[in-house]
Amino acid sequence: MPRILHIAPFNTAGVPMAFVRAERALGCDSRLITFARNRFGMEEDICLDLPFIDGRWFRVFRDRLSVSSRRAVSTAPSACPPVWQPRHPVETGLIALRERLWRPRIEAALKKLDFFSFDVYQLDGGLDFFRDGACVKTLRDRGKKIVCCYLGSDLRTRGVIPAVDATVDLNFTVEFDHLALHPDIHFVFFPFDPFRFTVRTQENPRLRIFHSATNRRYKGSDHIISVGKRLERDFGVEFVFMEKTPYTELLEAKSRSDIVVDQITNLGGVGYGISSLEALSMGLPVCTRLTPELEAFLPDHPFVSVTPETLYDRLVDLIRDHGFRRERGLQGRAWVEKYHDAREVVRRIHEQYRSAGWFG
């Protein structure tokens, strides 16, 4: 039975834990160790609760220290792949100090876990515990297999960690646009469990349109809110916007909605993420903006494709046509099962392992 250890700064959007659950379902001994807890309450396996990695004051200080252009989303990186480097001597010193404080807790946890007993180590987000790649270098010296799986802004705005990128055996990504950001990376669909969700069969007497965001700029939320309020006036629908809301509350509100709007900017990616998959799994139609490249890659997708200019009219189409809403919702659930079921995603990854001679 293969033993696989996932290492991630957080259980980002639940993706690392989705890998773990799917691998366990397929007979692997799979674990997840995270640096700190996801602030939206995602499930944890082994959490180190390391300090100075998250929290409001930490984020404020980090944003002031980092070069603003580095933290902005760029669609035209200057290097392929983009490479992380400290931008200020103070940043270098603070990272070194933080890692000295972390080291005893990390070493104790890895000893308890029997860290070197695993066969494959997957870095979900592309980070070692240490920026000099100390752990992955040791793993390589011991003949272990190392994989990176990039999840989003980790590759877009931070870039690869040089010591890690030089050491790993395989790179995967769950983001389509990453294919243009790294010369040696394999695309897989988001691992997801659609069977956690029940298809909604009844609509509200007053149709409810739902939108949520953790970053308004990335999703174009201000424009979406404006359109939602206009639709309330013009058609008597209810528009619900939730921002930085605990995950369980968010899911509950989404499950009581009839139409979901994801994003209209493509700043945070190229079309859709976990929020869309949750809505599609509930049988809800989803409006989102897709790049032409992604639409060509996904010819059978269920999304109602929108831009800032077309959002109002496409939502009017959905409001007026019950059959259109129902068709897109049911198509969406079937599509998620076909492409995003975490077990199928993991099988595709493990096929790569077998091709490389890792597994029998």
Foldseek 3Di string as FASTA:
>chain_A
DAEEEEEEQECPLVQVVLLQVLVVVVPYNYAYEHADYDPLDHDHGHYLNQPLPDDDVSVVVVCVLDDVVLQFFDLDDPDQQDEADRPDVVVVVVLVVSLVVCVVSVVVVCVVVVVLPGQEYEYELQDDSHLQCPVLVVNVVVVHAYEYEYEFVSRRRRNHRVNRVVRHDAYEYQAPSCCVNHVGYHYAHRADALVVAAADDDADPAAEEEEEEQDCVQFVVVLVVVLQVVCCVVPVHHYYYYYPHRPVVVLVVLLRHAAYEYGADCRRGAKDDPVVLNNLSNLFAYEIAGDPVVCVVCVQQLHDHDHSVCVNVSVVVCVVDVVNGNVSSPSSNVVCVVGRHNNVRSVVVVVVVVVVVSDD
